Amino acid sequence: MDWEFSDDDAFIALCDAFKESGEDSALEFLANGEGEFHFQELIQNASGEGIDLSDSDEMNTFQFEILEMMEKHRSR
């Protein structure tokens, strides 16, 4: 993926909300209302950057990268 999503405001808000939630799992956090809201905003921003997430493999890769980065940011 050519887009550096870790600088995106929606990703930063997602990470901040994850840290504040006290949730242990990024996956569980994304499944709840607030996490899902920020993730959907990030998907919209990705589309605006020309990232095609309509392909399920691309979406899975994107989700995995997001979860991985969320876990890294939480430990900072």
PDB file of N, CA and C in Angstrom:
ATOM      1  N   MET A   1       0.849  -1.168   0.000  1.00  0.00           N
ATOM      2  CA  MET A   1       0.000   0.000   0.000  1.00  0.00           C
ATOM      3  C   MET A   1       0.896   1.234   0.000  1.00  0.00           C
ATOM      4  N   ASP A   2       0.560   2.187  -0.849  1.00  0.00           N
ATOM      5  CA  ASP A   2       1.380   3.379  -1.015  1.00  0.00           C
ATOM      6  C   ASP A   2       1.025   4.511  -0.048  1.00  0.00           C
ATOM      7  N   TRP A   3      -0.050   4.372   0.676  1.00  0.00           N
ATOM      8  CA  TRP A   3      -0.523   5.432   1.550  1.00  0.00           C
ATOM      9  C   TRP A   3      -0.005   5.207   2.971  1.00  0.00           C
ATOM     10  N   GLU A   4       0.574   6.229   3.571  1.00  0.00           N
ATOM     11  CA  GLU A   4       1.070   6.136   4.940  1.00  0.00           C
ATOM     12  C   GLU A   4      -0.056   6.537   5.891  1.00  0.00           C
ATOM     13  N   PHE A   5      -0.881   5.565   6.256  1.00  0.00           N
ATOM     14  CA  PHE A   5      -2.072   5.831   7.065  1.00  0.00           C
ATOM     15  C   PHE A   5      -1.746   6.236   8.499  1.00  0.00           C
ATOM     16  N   SER A   6      -0.547   5.935   8.986  1.00  0.00           N
ATOM     17  CA  SER A   6      -0.233   6.228  10.383  1.00  0.00           C
ATOM     18  C   SER A   6      -0.185   7.731  10.667  1.00  0.00           C
ATOM     19  N   ASP A   7      -0.117   8.562   9.615  1.00  0.00           N
ATOM     20  CA  ASP A   7      -0.148  10.017   9.772  1.00  0.00           C
ATOM     21  C   ASP A   7      -1.562  10.593   9.645  1.00  0.00           C
ATOM     22  N   ASP A   8      -2.515   9.751   9.315  1.00  0.00           N
ATOM     23  CA  ASP A   8      -3.891  10.195   9.092  1.00  0.00           C
ATOM     24  C   ASP A   8      -4.567  10.526  10.434  1.00  0.00           C
ATOM     25  N   ASP A   9      -5.321  11.614  10.456  1.00  0.00           N
ATOM     26  CA  ASP A   9      -6.014  12.036  11.675  1.00  0.00           C
ATOM     27  C   ASP A   9      -6.946  10.955  12.220  1.00  0.00           C
ATOM     28  N   ALA A  10      -7.611  10.218  11.334  1.00  0.00           N
ATOM     29  CA  ALA A  10      -8.522   9.162  11.776  1.00  0.00           C
ATOM     30  C   ALA A  10      -7.748   8.028  12.459  1.00  0.00           C
ATOM     31  N   PHE A  11      -6.574   7.699  11.942  1.00  0.00           N
ATOM     32  CA  PHE A  11      -5.774   6.654  12.575  1.00  0.00           C
ATOM     33  C   PHE A  11      -5.269   7.117  13.934  1.00  0.00           C
ATOM     34  N   ILE A  12      -4.834   8.353  14.019  1.00  0.00           N
ATOM     35  CA  ILE A  12      -4.351   8.893  15.294  1.00  0.00           C
ATOM     36  C   ILE A  12      -5.485   8.892  16.320  1.00  0.00           C
ATOM     37  N   ALA A  13      -6.680   9.300  15.895  1.00  0.00           N
ATOM     38  CA  ALA A  13      -7.839   9.282  16.796  1.00  0.00           C
ATOM     39  C   ALA A  13      -8.182   7.851  17.207  1.00  0.00           C
ATOM     40  N   LEU A  14      -8.071   6.917  16.271  1.00  0.00           N
ATOM     41  CA  LEU A  14      -8.327   5.507  16.559  1.00  0.00           C
ATOM     42  C   LEU A  14      -7.361   5.004  17.626  1.00  0.00           C
ATOM     43  N   CYS A  15      -6.086   5.299  17.479  1.00  0.00           N
ATOM     44  CA  CYS A  15      -5.078   4.863  18.451  1.00  0.00           C
ATOM     45  C   CYS A  15      -5.292   5.514  19.813  1.00  0.00           C
ATOM     46  N   ASP A  16      -5.606   6.794  19.819  1.00  0.00           N
ATOM     47  CA  ASP A  16      -5.854   7.484  21.082  1.00  0.00           C
ATOM     48  C   ASP A  16      -7.054   6.881  21.811  1.00  0.00           C
ATOM     49  N   ALA A  17      -8.119   6.632  21.071  1.00  0.00           N
ATOM     50  CA  ALA A  17      -9.317   6.043  21.666  1.00  0.00           C
ATOM     51  C   ALA A  17      -9.033   4.630  22.172  1.00  0.00           C
ATOM     52  N   PHE A  18      -8.219   3.877  21.444  1.00  0.00           N
ATOM     53  CA  PHE A  18      -7.849   2.528  21.864  1.00  0.00           C
ATOM     54  C   PHE A  18      -7.070   2.571  23.179  1.00  0.00           C
ATOM     55  N   LYS A  19      -6.109   3.477  23.281  1.00  0.00           N
ATOM     56  CA  LYS A  19      -5.331   3.609  24.511  1.00  0.00           C
ATOM     57  C   LYS A  19      -6.233   3.961  25.696  1.00  0.00           C
ATOM     58  N   GLU A  20      -7.146   4.913  25.460  1.00  0.00           N
ATOM     59  CA  GLU A  20      -8.030   5.388  26.527  1.00  0.00           C
ATOM     60  C   GLU A  20      -9.079   4.364  26.924  1.00  0.00           C
ATOM     61  N   SER A  21      -9.399   3.440  26.025  1.00  0.00           N
ATOM     62  CA  SER A  21     -10.466   2.473  26.283  1.00  0.00           C
ATOM     63  C   SER A  21     -10.100   1.444  27.347  1.00  0.00           C
ATOM     64  N   GLY A  22      -8.810   1.164  27.487  1.00  0.00           N
ATOM     65  CA  GLY A  22      -8.394   0.127  28.408  1.00  0.00           C
ATOM     66  C   GLY A  22      -8.564  -1.269  27.843  1.00  0.00           C
ATOM     67  N   GLU A  23      -9.048  -1.361  26.625  1.00  0.00           N
ATOM     68  CA  GLU A  23      -9.233  -2.650  25.945  1.00  0.00           C
ATOM     69  C   GLU A  23      -7.861  -3.270  25.684  1.00  0.00           C
ATOM     70  N   ASP A  24      -7.762  -4.589  25.867  1.00  0.00           N
ATOM     71  CA  ASP A  24      -6.495  -5.286  25.653  1.00  0.00           C
ATOM     72  C   ASP A  24      -6.254  -5.644  24.198  1.00  0.00           C
ATOM     73  N   SER A  25      -7.300  -5.844  23.452  1.00  0.00           N
ATOM     74  CA  SER A  25      -7.190  -6.330  22.080  1.00  0.00           C
ATOM     75  C   SER A  25      -7.640  -5.266  21.077  1.00  0.00           C
ATOM     76  N   ALA A  26      -6.775  -4.981  20.107  1.00  0.00           N
ATOM     77  CA  ALA A  26      -7.144  -4.027  19.054  1.00  0.00           C
ATOM     78  C   ALA A  26      -8.332  -4.557  18.261  1.00  0.00           C
ATOM     79  N   LEU A  27      -8.364  -5.857  18.032  1.00  0.00           N
ATOM     80  CA  LEU A  27      -9.473  -6.465  17.290  1.00  0.00           C
ATOM     81  C   LEU A  27     -10.790  -6.286  18.034  1.00  0.00           C
ATOM     82  N   GLU A  28     -10.781  -6.521  19.323  1.00  0.00           N
ATOM     83  CA  GLU A  28     -11.995  -6.325  20.122  1.00  0.00           C
ATOM     84  C   GLU A  28     -12.420  -4.862  20.120  1.00  0.00           C
ATOM     85  N   PHE A  29     -11.448  -3.965  20.192  1.00  0.00           N
ATOM     86  CA  PHE A  29     -11.774  -2.546  20.181  1.00  0.00           C
ATOM     87  C   PHE A  29     -12.432  -2.144  18.872  1.00  0.00           C
ATOM     88  N   LEU A  30     -11.923  -2.668  17.753  1.00  0.00           N
ATOM     89  CA  LEU A  30     -12.522  -2.341  16.461  1.00  0.00           C
ATOM     90  C   LEU A  30     -13.942  -2.869  16.340  1.00  0.00           C
ATOM     91  N   ALA A  31     -14.272  -3.889  17.113  1.00  0.00           N
ATOM     92  CA  ALA A  31     -15.606  -4.474  17.048  1.00  0.00           C
ATOM     93  C   ALA A  31     -16.640  -3.656  17.816  1.00  0.00           C
ATOM     94  N   ASN A  32     -16.182  -2.737  18.676  1.00  0.00           N
ATOM     95  CA  ASN A  32     -17.158  -1.942  19.422  1.00  0.00           C
ATOM     96  C   ASN A  32     -17.459  -0.629  18.701  1.00  0.00           C
ATOM     97  N   GLY A  33     -18.433   0.097  19.174  1.00  0.00           N
ATOM     98  CA  GLY A  33     -18.916   1.298  18.501  1.00  0.00           C
ATOM     99  C   GLY A  33     -17.877   2.356  18.203  1.00  0.00           C
ATOM    100  N   GLU A  34     -17.101   2.764  19.207  1.00  0.00           N
ATOM    101  CA  GLU A  34     -16.140   3.839  18.987  1.00  0.00           C
ATOM    102  C   GLU A  34     -15.010   3.410  18.053  1.00  0.00           C
ATOM    103  N   GLY A  35     -14.490   2.225  18.260  1.00  0.00           N
ATOM    104  CA  GLY A  35     -13.427   1.726  17.391  1.00  0.00           C
ATOM    105  C   GLY A  35     -13.903   1.572  15.965  1.00  0.00           C
ATOM    106  N   GLU A  36     -15.105   1.068  15.810  1.00  0.00           N
ATOM    107  CA  GLU A  36     -15.675   0.875  14.476  1.00  0.00           C
ATOM    108  C   GLU A  36     -15.865   2.219  13.772  1.00  0.00           C
ATOM    109  N   PHE A  37     -16.298   3.230  14.517  1.00  0.00           N
ATOM    110  CA  PHE A  37     -16.495   4.563  13.943  1.00  0.00           C
ATOM    111  C   PHE A  37     -15.182   5.100  13.362  1.00  0.00           C
ATOM    112  N   HIS A  38     -14.109   5.045  14.147  1.00  0.00           N
ATOM    113  CA  HIS A  38     -12.818   5.559  13.691  1.00  0.00           C
ATOM    114  C   HIS A  38     -12.275   4.730  12.523  1.00  0.00           C
ATOM    115  N   PHE A  39     -12.485   3.426  12.574  1.00  0.00           N
ATOM    116  CA  PHE A  39     -12.011   2.560  11.495  1.00  0.00           C
ATOM    117  C   PHE A  39     -12.737   2.876  10.191  1.00  0.00           C
ATOM    118  N   GLN A  40     -14.042   3.097  10.252  1.00  0.00           N
ATOM    119  CA  GLN A  40     -14.812   3.445   9.053  1.00  0.00           C
ATOM    120  C   GLN A  40     -14.336   4.770   8.468  1.00  0.00           C
ATOM    121  N   GLU A  41     -14.020   5.708   9.338  1.00  0.00           N
ATOM    122  CA  GLU A  41     -13.484   6.999   8.876  1.00  0.00           C
ATOM    123  C   GLU A  41     -12.136   6.798   8.177  1.00  0.00           C
ATOM    124  N   LEU A  42     -11.321   5.917   8.725  1.00  0.00           N
ATOM    125  CA  LEU A  42     -10.026   5.608   8.122  1.00  0.00           C
ATOM    126  C   LEU A  42     -10.202   4.951   6.753  1.00  0.00           C
ATOM    127  N   ILE A  43     -11.180   4.080   6.622  1.00  0.00           N
ATOM    128  CA  ILE A  43     -11.477   3.450   5.326  1.00  0.00           C
ATOM    129  C   ILE A  43     -11.884   4.508   4.309  1.00  0.00           C
ATOM    130  N   GLN A  44     -12.717   5.451   4.736  1.00  0.00           N
ATOM    131  CA  GLN A  44     -13.127   6.527   3.835  1.00  0.00           C
ATOM    132  C   GLN A  44     -11.924   7.365   3.407  1.00  0.00           C
ATOM    133  N   ASN A  45     -11.033   7.639   4.326  1.00  0.00           N
ATOM    134  CA  ASN A  45      -9.834   8.406   3.990  1.00  0.00           C
ATOM    135  C   ASN A  45      -8.944   7.633   3.027  1.00  0.00           C
ATOM    136  N   ALA A  46      -8.853   6.332   3.218  1.00  0.00           N
ATOM    137  CA  ALA A  46      -8.054   5.493   2.318  1.00  0.00           C
ATOM    138  C   ALA A  46      -8.628   5.566   0.905  1.00  0.00           C
ATOM    139  N   SER A  47      -9.937   5.504   0.797  1.00  0.00           N
ATOM    140  CA  SER A  47     -10.581   5.614  -0.517  1.00  0.00           C
ATOM    141  C   SER A  47     -10.272   6.959  -1.154  1.00  0.00           C
ATOM    142  N   GLY A  48     -10.278   8.006  -0.351  1.00  0.00           N
ATOM    143  CA  GLY A  48      -9.946   9.338  -0.845  1.00  0.00           C
ATOM    144  C   GLY A  48      -8.502   9.446  -1.315  1.00  0.00           C
ATOM    145  N   GLU A  49      -7.655   8.568  -0.791  1.00  0.00           N
ATOM    146  CA  GLU A  49      -6.248   8.539  -1.199  1.00  0.00           C
ATOM    147  C   GLU A  49      -6.019   7.600  -2.382  1.00  0.00           C
ATOM    148  N   GLY A  50      -7.113   7.046  -2.907  1.00  0.00           N
ATOM    149  CA  GLY A  50      -7.003   6.179  -4.079  1.00  0.00           C
ATOM    150  C   GLY A  50      -6.766   4.716  -3.770  1.00  0.00           C
ATOM    151  N   ILE A  51      -6.908   4.312  -2.505  1.00  0.00           N
ATOM    152  CA  ILE A  51      -6.733   2.915  -2.124  1.00  0.00           C
ATOM    153  C   ILE A  51      -8.053   2.189  -2.380  1.00  0.00           C
ATOM    154  N   ASP A  52      -7.998   1.122  -3.186  1.00  0.00           N
ATOM    155  CA  ASP A  52      -9.198   0.349  -3.514  1.00  0.00           C
ATOM    156  C   ASP A  52      -9.337  -0.802  -2.531  1.00  0.00           C
ATOM    157  N   LEU A  53     -10.261  -0.659  -1.590  1.00  0.00           N
ATOM    158  CA  LEU A  53     -10.477  -1.687  -0.584  1.00  0.00           C
ATOM    159  C   LEU A  53     -11.691  -2.553  -0.908  1.00  0.00           C
ATOM    160  N   SER A  54     -12.179  -2.482  -2.136  1.00  0.00           N
ATOM    161  CA  SER A  54     -13.316  -3.311  -2.519  1.00  0.00           C
ATOM    162  C   SER A  54     -12.909  -4.774  -2.690  1.00  0.00           C
ATOM    163  N   ASP A  55     -11.632  -5.025  -2.930  1.00  0.00           N
ATOM    164  CA  ASP A  55     -11.100  -6.379  -3.028  1.00  0.00           C
ATOM    165  C   ASP A  55     -10.911  -6.928  -1.610  1.00  0.00           C
ATOM    166  N   SER A  56     -11.445  -8.094  -1.328  1.00  0.00           N
ATOM    167  CA  SER A  56     -11.390  -8.635   0.032  1.00  0.00           C
ATOM    168  C   SER A  56      -9.963  -8.888   0.502  1.00  0.00           C
ATOM    169  N   ASP A  57      -9.075  -9.283  -0.390  1.00  0.00           N
ATOM    170  CA  ASP A  57      -7.678  -9.485   0.006  1.00  0.00           C
ATOM    171  C   ASP A  57      -7.029  -8.171   0.411  1.00  0.00           C
ATOM    172  N   GLU A  58      -7.300  -7.114  -0.349  1.00  0.00           N
ATOM    173  CA  GLU A  58      -6.763  -5.788  -0.008  1.00  0.00           C
ATOM    174  C   GLU A  58      -7.320  -5.314   1.327  1.00  0.00           C
ATOM    175  N   MET A  59      -8.616  -5.532   1.550  1.00  0.00           N
ATOM    176  CA  MET A  59      -9.241  -5.116   2.807  1.00  0.00           C
ATOM    177  C   MET A  59      -8.640  -5.895   3.973  1.00  0.00           C
ATOM    178  N   ASN A  60      -8.432  -7.188   3.806  1.00  0.00           N
ATOM    179  CA  ASN A  60      -7.832  -7.996   4.865  1.00  0.00           C
ATOM    180  C   ASN A  60      -6.418  -7.522   5.194  1.00  0.00           C
ATOM    181  N   THR A  61      -5.645  -7.224   4.159  1.00  0.00           N
ATOM    182  CA  THR A  61      -4.289  -6.722   4.357  1.00  0.00           C
ATOM    183  C   THR A  61      -4.323  -5.388   5.091  1.00  0.00           C
ATOM    184  N   PHE A  62      -5.216  -4.506   4.670  1.00  0.00           N
ATOM    185  CA  PHE A  62      -5.365  -3.196   5.301  1.00  0.00           C
ATOM    186  C   PHE A  62      -5.734  -3.355   6.779  1.00  0.00           C
ATOM    187  N   GLN A  63      -6.713  -4.199   7.076  1.00  0.00           N
ATOM    188  CA  GLN A  63      -7.130  -4.415   8.457  1.00  0.00           C
ATOM    189  C   GLN A  63      -5.979  -4.956   9.305  1.00  0.00           C
ATOM    190  N   PHE A  64      -5.234  -5.906   8.752  1.00  0.00           N
ATOM    191  CA  PHE A  64      -4.109  -6.477   9.486  1.00  0.00           C
ATOM    192  C   PHE A  64      -3.075  -5.404   9.793  1.00  0.00           C
ATOM    193  N   GLU A  65      -2.768  -4.562   8.821  1.00  0.00           N
ATOM    194  CA  GLU A  65      -1.793  -3.492   9.034  1.00  0.00           C
ATOM    195  C   GLU A  65      -2.274  -2.503  10.096  1.00  0.00           C
ATOM    196  N   ILE A  66      -3.555  -2.195  10.066  1.00  0.00           N
ATOM    197  CA  ILE A  66      -4.125  -1.279  11.058  1.00  0.00           C
ATOM    198  C   ILE A  66      -4.013  -1.882  12.448  1.00  0.00           C
ATOM    199  N   LEU A  67      -4.425  -3.141  12.596  1.00  0.00           N
ATOM    200  CA  LEU A  67      -4.362  -3.804  13.897  1.00  0.00           C
ATOM    201  C   LEU A  67      -2.927  -3.861  14.424  1.00  0.00           C
ATOM    202  N   GLU A  68      -2.006  -4.182  13.549  1.00  0.00           N
ATOM    203  CA  GLU A  68      -0.606  -4.269  13.934  1.00  0.00           C
ATOM    204  C   GLU A  68      -0.082  -2.903  14.425  1.00  0.00           C
ATOM    205  N   MET A  69      -0.401  -1.864  13.690  1.00  0.00           N
ATOM    206  CA  MET A  69       0.052  -0.519  14.070  1.00  0.00           C
ATOM    207  C   MET A  69      -0.633  -0.040  15.354  1.00  0.00           C
ATOM    208  N   MET A  70      -1.895  -0.398  15.537  1.00  0.00           N
ATOM    209  CA  MET A  70      -2.593  -0.023  16.771  1.00  0.00           C
ATOM    210  C   MET A  70      -1.900  -0.640  17.982  1.00  0.00           C
ATOM    211  N   GLU A  71      -1.526  -1.913  17.868  1.00  0.00           N
ATOM    212  CA  GLU A  71      -0.840  -2.592  18.966  1.00  0.00           C
ATOM    213  C   GLU A  71       0.500  -1.930  19.262  1.00  0.00           C
ATOM    214  N   LYS A  72       1.211  -1.531  18.223  1.00  0.00           N
ATOM    215  CA  LYS A  72       2.506  -0.856  18.405  1.00  0.00           C
ATOM    216  C   LYS A  72       2.321   0.492  19.104  1.00  0.00           C
ATOM    217  N   HIS A  73       1.308   1.248  18.664  1.00  0.00           N
ATOM    218  CA  HIS A  73       1.065   2.571  19.247  1.00  0.00           C
ATOM    219  C   HIS A  73       0.612   2.478  20.697  1.00  0.00           C
ATOM    220  N   ARG A  74      -0.115   1.420  21.026  1.00  0.00           N
ATOM    221  CA  ARG A  74      -0.613   1.268  22.392  1.00  0.00           C
ATOM    222  C   ARG A  74       0.547   1.114  23.367  1.00  0.00           C
ATOM    223  N   SER A  75       1.601   0.447  22.951  1.00  0.00           N
ATOM    224  CA  SER A  75       2.719   0.188  23.854  1.00  0.00           C
ATOM    225  C   SER A  75       3.660   1.380  23.998  1.00  0.00           C
ATOM    226  N   ARG A  76       3.403   2.455  23.286  1.00  0.00           N
ATOM    227  CA  ARG A  76       4.263   3.651  23.390  1.00  0.00           C
ATOM    228  C   ARG A  76       3.901   4.486  24.590  1.00  0.00           C
TER     229      ARG A  76
END
